Amino acid sequence: MEGEGEERQLNIHLDPENLAGVYANFANISFSDYEFTITFARVDHEVEEGDVPGVVVSRVNMSTRFMRELLDAMNDSWSKWSSREGIRNLPETSEGDSN
Protein backbone atom coordinates (compact mmCIF):
# COMPACT_ATOMS: atom_id res chain seq x y z
CA MET A 1 0.00 0.00 0.00
CA GLU A 2 1.16 3.50 -0.74
CA GLY A 3 2.10 5.51 2.34
CA GLU A 4 2.82 2.42 4.42
CA GLY A 5 5.82 2.93 6.66
CA GLU A 6 5.78 6.70 6.26
CA GLU A 7 6.22 8.62 9.47
CA ARG A 8 3.32 10.97 10.11
CA GLN A 9 3.90 14.34 11.73
CA LEU A 10 1.54 16.08 14.13
CA ASN A 11 0.46 19.50 12.95
CA ILE A 12 -0.93 21.16 16.08
CA HIS A 13 -2.10 24.78 15.95
CA LEU A 14 -1.51 26.95 19.03
CA ASP A 15 -3.49 30.18 19.26
CA PRO A 16 -1.34 33.14 20.37
CA GLU A 17 -3.54 33.72 23.44
CA ASN A 18 -2.67 30.20 24.66
CA LEU A 19 1.05 30.44 23.95
CA ALA A 20 1.99 31.49 27.49
CA GLY A 21 0.00 28.65 29.08
CA VAL A 22 -1.37 28.86 32.60
CA TYR A 23 0.32 28.41 35.96
CA ALA A 24 -0.98 25.80 38.39
CA ASN A 25 0.35 24.74 41.78
CA PHE A 26 -2.48 22.33 42.64
CA ALA A 27 -4.19 19.50 40.78
CA ASN A 28 -7.13 17.29 41.61
CA ILE A 29 -7.78 14.05 39.74
CA SER A 30 -11.20 12.41 39.60
CA PHE A 31 -12.38 9.47 37.53
CA SER A 32 -15.29 7.34 36.41
CA ASP A 33 -15.39 4.00 34.63
CA TYR A 34 -14.89 5.82 31.32
CA GLU A 35 -12.70 8.87 31.88
CA PHE A 36 -10.33 10.83 34.08
CA THR A 37 -10.64 14.52 34.83
CA ILE A 38 -7.67 16.58 35.96
CA THR A 39 -8.52 19.98 37.41
CA PHE A 40 -5.60 22.40 37.64
CA ALA A 41 -5.79 25.36 40.00
CA ARG A 42 -3.67 28.16 41.35
CA VAL A 43 -4.02 28.42 45.12
CA ASP A 44 -2.71 31.04 47.51
CA HIS A 45 -0.74 29.11 50.14
CA GLU A 46 0.23 32.33 51.91
CA VAL A 47 -3.16 32.69 53.60
CA GLU A 48 -2.57 31.74 57.23
CA GLU A 49 -6.12 31.35 58.52
CA GLY A 50 -9.43 30.09 57.17
CA ASP A 51 -10.04 28.58 53.77
CA VAL A 52 -7.25 28.62 51.23
CA PRO A 53 -8.41 30.64 48.20
CA GLY A 54 -7.81 29.34 44.71
CA VAL A 55 -8.98 29.57 41.13
CA VAL A 56 -9.32 26.82 38.53
CA VAL A 57 -7.08 27.61 35.56
CA SER A 58 -7.84 24.53 33.44
CA ARG A 59 -9.76 21.27 33.44
CA VAL A 60 -8.90 18.36 31.16
CA ASN A 61 -11.10 15.31 30.56
CA MET A 62 -9.50 12.25 28.97
CA SER A 63 -10.16 8.61 28.22
CA THR A 64 -8.67 5.96 30.48
CA ARG A 65 -6.39 4.86 27.64
CA PHE A 66 -5.04 8.37 27.15
CA MET A 67 -4.50 8.70 30.92
CA ARG A 68 -2.24 5.62 30.80
CA GLU A 69 -0.30 7.12 27.87
CA LEU A 70 0.00 10.44 29.71
CA LEU A 71 1.33 8.72 32.83
CA ASP A 72 3.92 6.83 30.77
CA ALA A 73 5.01 10.04 29.03
CA MET A 74 5.20 11.93 32.34
CA ASN A 75 7.26 9.16 33.97
CA ASP A 76 9.64 9.13 31.00
CA SER A 77 10.04 12.92 31.10
CA TRP A 78 10.50 12.93 34.89
CA SER A 79 13.19 10.25 34.60
CA LYS A 80 15.05 12.22 31.91
CA TRP A 81 14.78 15.47 33.89
CA SER A 82 15.95 13.77 37.12
CA SER A 83 18.96 12.26 35.34
CA ARG A 84 19.90 15.60 33.83
CA GLU A 85 19.57 17.39 37.18
CA GLY A 86 21.60 14.68 38.91
CA ILE A 87 24.42 15.10 36.39
CA ARG A 88 24.19 18.88 36.60
CA ASN A 89 24.49 18.76 40.41
CA LEU A 90 27.46 16.39 40.63
CA PRO A 91 30.30 17.85 42.70
CA GLU A 92 33.07 19.20 40.52
CA THR A 93 36.52 17.72 40.91
CA SER A 94 39.74 19.16 39.67
CA GLU A 95 42.34 17.14 37.76
CA GLY A 96 44.84 17.68 40.58
CA ASP A 97 42.75 15.70 43.12
CA SER A 98 44.52 12.56 44.34
CA ASN A 99 41.49 10.53 45.48
C-alpha atoms as a PDB file:
ATOM      1  CA  MET A   1       0.000   0.000   0.000  1.00  0.00           C
ATOM      2  CA  GLU A   2       1.157   3.499  -0.737  1.00  0.00           C
ATOM      3  CA  GLY A   3       2.102   5.511   2.338  1.00  0.00           C
ATOM      4  CA  GLU A   4       2.819   2.424   4.423  1.00  0.00           C
ATOM      5  CA  GLY A   5       5.825   2.927   6.660  1.00  0.00           C
ATOM      6  CA  GLU A   6       5.777   6.700   6.257  1.00  0.00           C
ATOM      7  CA  GLU A   7       6.224   8.624   9.471  1.00  0.00           C
ATOM      8  CA  ARG A   8       3.318  10.966  10.109  1.00  0.00           C
ATOM      9  CA  GLN A   9       3.904  14.340  11.733  1.00  0.00           C
ATOM     10  CA  LEU A  10       1.539  16.081  14.134  1.00  0.00           C
ATOM     11  CA  ASN A  11       0.464  19.500  12.951  1.00  0.00           C
ATOM     12  CA  ILE A  12      -0.927  21.160  16.084  1.00  0.00           C
ATOM     13  CA  HIS A  13      -2.101  24.775  15.954  1.00  0.00           C
ATOM     14  CA  LEU A  14      -1.510  26.950  19.030  1.00  0.00           C
ATOM     15  CA  ASP A  15      -3.488  30.176  19.262  1.00  0.00           C
ATOM     16  CA  PRO A  16      -1.336  33.141  20.366  1.00  0.00           C
ATOM     17  CA  GLU A  17      -3.539  33.725  23.436  1.00  0.00           C
ATOM     18  CA  ASN A  18      -2.672  30.202  24.661  1.00  0.00           C
ATOM     19  CA  LEU A  19       1.046  30.442  23.954  1.00  0.00           C
ATOM     20  CA  ALA A  20       1.985  31.486  27.492  1.00  0.00           C
ATOM     21  CA  GLY A  21       0.000  28.647  29.077  1.00  0.00           C
ATOM     22  CA  VAL A  22      -1.371  28.862  32.595  1.00  0.00           C
ATOM     23  CA  TYR A  23       0.323  28.410  35.962  1.00  0.00           C
ATOM     24  CA  ALA A  24      -0.984  25.796  38.393  1.00  0.00           C
ATOM     25  CA  ASN A  25       0.346  24.744  41.784  1.00  0.00           C
ATOM     26  CA  PHE A  26      -2.483  22.332  42.638  1.00  0.00           C
ATOM     27  CA  ALA A  27      -4.188  19.504  40.777  1.00  0.00           C
ATOM     28  CA  ASN A  28      -7.132  17.287  41.609  1.00  0.00           C
ATOM     29  CA  ILE A  29      -7.781  14.049  39.741  1.00  0.00           C
ATOM     30  CA  SER A  30     -11.197  12.406  39.599  1.00  0.00           C
ATOM     31  CA  PHE A  31     -12.380   9.469  37.527  1.00  0.00           C
ATOM     32  CA  SER A  32     -15.292   7.339  36.409  1.00  0.00           C
ATOM     33  CA  ASP A  33     -15.389   3.998  34.632  1.00  0.00           C
ATOM     34  CA  TYR A  34     -14.887   5.819  31.320  1.00  0.00           C
ATOM     35  CA  GLU A  35     -12.704   8.871  31.883  1.00  0.00           C
ATOM     36  CA  PHE A  36     -10.329  10.829  34.078  1.00  0.00           C
ATOM     37  CA  THR A  37     -10.640  14.523  34.831  1.00  0.00           C
ATOM     38  CA  ILE A  38      -7.668  16.583  35.961  1.00  0.00           C
ATOM     39  CA  THR A  39      -8.525  19.983  37.409  1.00  0.00           C
ATOM     40  CA  PHE A  40      -5.605  22.404  37.638  1.00  0.00           C
ATOM     41  CA  ALA A  41      -5.790  25.364  39.999  1.00  0.00           C
ATOM     42  CA  ARG A  42      -3.672  28.162  41.346  1.00  0.00           C
ATOM     43  CA  VAL A  43      -4.020  28.418  45.115  1.00  0.00           C
ATOM     44  CA  ASP A  44      -2.710  31.037  47.510  1.00  0.00           C
ATOM     45  CA  HIS A  45      -0.737  29.109  50.136  1.00  0.00           C
ATOM     46  CA  GLU A  46       0.234  32.334  51.910  1.00  0.00           C
ATOM     47  CA  VAL A  47      -3.165  32.687  53.602  1.00  0.00           C
ATOM     48  CA  GLU A  48      -2.570  31.740  57.231  1.00  0.00           C
ATOM     49  CA  GLU A  49      -6.125  31.352  58.517  1.00  0.00           C
ATOM     50  CA  GLY A  50      -9.429  30.086  57.171  1.00  0.00           C
ATOM     51  CA  ASP A  51     -10.045  28.577  53.768  1.00  0.00           C
ATOM     52  CA  VAL A  52      -7.246  28.618  51.229  1.00  0.00           C
ATOM     53  CA  PRO A  53      -8.412  30.636  48.200  1.00  0.00           C
ATOM     54  CA  GLY A  54      -7.813  29.335  44.708  1.00  0.00           C
ATOM     55  CA  VAL A  55      -8.978  29.566  41.134  1.00  0.00           C
ATOM     56  CA  VAL A  56      -9.323  26.816  38.529  1.00  0.00           C
ATOM     57  CA  VAL A  57      -7.081  27.609  35.565  1.00  0.00           C
ATOM     58  CA  SER A  58      -7.839  24.534  33.444  1.00  0.00           C
ATOM     59  CA  ARG A  59      -9.759  21.272  33.443  1.00  0.00           C
ATOM     60  CA  VAL A  60      -8.899  18.357  31.159  1.00  0.00           C
ATOM     61  CA  ASN A  61     -11.098  15.312  30.562  1.00  0.00           C
ATOM     62  CA  MET A  62      -9.501  12.255  28.973  1.00  0.00           C
ATOM     63  CA  SER A  63     -10.160   8.610  28.217  1.00  0.00           C
ATOM     64  CA  THR A  64      -8.673   5.963  30.482  1.00  0.00           C
ATOM     65  CA  ARG A  65      -6.385   4.857  27.635  1.00  0.00           C
ATOM     66  CA  PHE A  66      -5.039   8.373  27.147  1.00  0.00           C
ATOM     67  CA  MET A  67      -4.499   8.699  30.919  1.00  0.00           C
ATOM     68  CA  ARG A  68      -2.237   5.618  30.800  1.00  0.00           C
ATOM     69  CA  GLU A  69      -0.296   7.120  27.866  1.00  0.00           C
ATOM     70  CA  LEU A  70      -0.002  10.442  29.712  1.00  0.00           C
ATOM     71  CA  LEU A  71       1.333   8.725  32.833  1.00  0.00           C
ATOM     72  CA  ASP A  72       3.919   6.833  30.774  1.00  0.00           C
ATOM     73  CA  ALA A  73       5.013  10.039  29.033  1.00  0.00           C
ATOM     74  CA  MET A  74       5.201  11.931  32.340  1.00  0.00           C
ATOM     75  CA  ASN A  75       7.261   9.160  33.969  1.00  0.00           C
ATOM     76  CA  ASP A  76       9.642   9.135  31.003  1.00  0.00           C
ATOM     77  CA  SER A  77      10.042  12.925  31.098  1.00  0.00           C
ATOM     78  CA  TRP A  78      10.501  12.928  34.890  1.00  0.00           C
ATOM     79  CA  SER A  79      13.195  10.254  34.601  1.00  0.00           C
ATOM     80  CA  LYS A  80      15.045  12.221  31.908  1.00  0.00           C
ATOM     81  CA  TRP A  81      14.779  15.471  33.892  1.00  0.00           C
ATOM     82  CA  SER A  82      15.948  13.774  37.120  1.00  0.00           C
ATOM     83  CA  SER A  83      18.955  12.263  35.341  1.00  0.00           C
ATOM     84  CA  ARG A  84      19.903  15.603  33.829  1.00  0.00           C
ATOM     85  CA  GLU A  85      19.567  17.389  37.177  1.00  0.00           C
ATOM     86  CA  GLY A  86      21.600  14.680  38.909  1.00  0.00           C
ATOM     87  CA  ILE A  87      24.418  15.096  36.394  1.00  0.00           C
ATOM     88  CA  ARG A  88      24.193  18.885  36.599  1.00  0.00           C
ATOM     89  CA  ASN A  89      24.486  18.759  40.406  1.00  0.00           C
ATOM     90  CA  LEU A  90      27.459  16.386  40.628  1.00  0.00           C
ATOM     91  CA  PRO A  91      30.301  17.850  42.700  1.00  0.00           C
ATOM     92  CA  GLU A  92      33.070  19.197  40.521  1.00  0.00           C
ATOM     93  CA  THR A  93      36.516  17.716  40.907  1.00  0.00           C
ATOM     94  CA  SER A  94      39.741  19.162  39.665  1.00  0.00           C
ATOM     95  CA  GLU A  95      42.339  17.140  37.758  1.00  0.00           C
ATOM     96  CA  GLY A  96      44.837  17.685  40.585  1.00  0.00           C
ATOM     97  CA  ASP A  97      42.746  15.696  43.121  1.00  0.00           C
ATOM     98  CA  SER A  98      44.517  12.564  44.338  1.00  0.00           C
ATOM     99  CA  ASN A  99      41.485  10.535  45.476  1.00  0.00           C
END
